Amino acid sequence: MRHTYNKRRTETLDYLQSMLGQLRAMAEAERCDMLTYLIEMAYVEVSDIIRGDRPATSHQPKHKDLRHG
């Protein structure tokens, strides 16, 4: 069961990386610098996740809502 999840996850991440690469090329061809940069950051992020350099989730500390003391 775990093997199936890992295989599906790997395939999904590979697909995301491929799509992001294509989107990055399209944005670059249209000279959309900021969009190219943001897509590149997503591409790097998924690459890090695939290599195991970064967890797929990040736990953000919950901030206290100052309006409600």
Protein backbone atom coordinates (compact mmCIF):
# COMPACT_ATOMS: atom_id res chain seq x y z
CA MET A 1 0.00 0.00 0.00
CA ARG A 2 2.78 2.45 0.93
CA HIS A 3 4.65 1.52 -2.25
CA THR A 4 1.60 2.51 -4.33
CA TYR A 5 1.39 5.88 -2.56
CA ASN A 6 5.11 6.56 -3.08
CA LYS A 7 4.91 5.61 -6.75
CA ARG A 8 1.87 7.82 -7.32
CA ARG A 9 3.49 10.69 -5.43
CA THR A 10 6.68 10.37 -7.46
CA GLU A 11 4.71 10.32 -10.71
CA THR A 12 2.71 13.37 -9.63
CA LEU A 13 5.82 15.33 -8.66
CA ASP A 14 7.53 14.38 -11.93
CA TYR A 15 4.46 15.57 -13.84
CA LEU A 16 4.39 18.85 -11.92
CA GLN A 17 8.06 19.41 -12.64
CA SER A 18 7.52 18.75 -16.34
CA MET A 19 4.53 21.11 -16.55
CA LEU A 20 6.36 23.83 -14.64
CA GLY A 21 9.30 23.52 -17.02
CA GLN A 22 6.98 24.01 -19.98
CA LEU A 23 5.19 26.93 -18.34
CA ARG A 24 8.52 28.55 -17.51
CA ALA A 25 9.60 28.30 -21.15
CA MET A 26 6.31 29.81 -22.31
CA ALA A 27 6.52 32.70 -19.84
CA GLU A 28 10.13 33.33 -20.81
CA ALA A 29 9.24 33.34 -24.52
CA GLU A 30 6.60 35.99 -23.80
CA ARG A 31 9.13 38.03 -21.79
CA CYS A 32 7.07 37.86 -18.63
CA ASP A 33 9.99 38.21 -16.26
CA MET A 34 8.15 38.11 -12.94
CA LEU A 35 5.97 35.20 -14.03
CA THR A 36 9.05 33.35 -15.28
CA TYR A 37 10.73 33.92 -11.93
CA LEU A 38 7.75 32.70 -9.90
CA ILE A 39 7.37 29.58 -12.03
CA GLU A 40 11.11 28.97 -11.71
CA MET A 41 10.78 29.13 -7.90
CA ALA A 42 7.98 26.55 -8.03
CA TYR A 43 10.16 24.40 -10.32
CA VAL A 44 13.06 24.59 -7.87
CA GLU A 45 10.72 23.78 -4.98
CA VAL A 46 9.37 20.62 -6.62
CA SER A 47 12.94 19.64 -7.57
CA ASP A 48 13.98 19.96 -3.92
CA ILE A 49 11.01 17.85 -2.82
CA ILE A 50 11.84 15.15 -5.37
CA ARG A 51 15.46 15.03 -4.18
CA GLY A 52 14.34 14.94 -0.55
CA ASP A 53 16.04 18.25 0.27
CA ARG A 54 12.78 19.83 1.42
CA PRO A 55 9.61 18.40 2.97
CA ALA A 56 6.43 18.55 0.89
CA THR A 57 4.69 20.44 3.69
CA SER A 58 5.87 23.24 5.88
CA HIS A 59 4.30 23.81 9.23
CA GLN A 60 3.79 27.51 9.82
CA PRO A 61 3.37 28.65 13.40
CA LYS A 62 -0.10 29.99 14.03
CA HIS A 63 -0.10 33.71 14.65
CA LYS A 64 -2.25 35.08 17.40
CA ASP A 65 -5.02 37.30 16.08
CA LEU A 66 -4.19 40.60 17.78
CA ARG A 67 -7.68 41.97 17.17
CA HIS A 68 -9.20 39.47 19.57
CA GLY A 69 -6.51 39.68 22.26
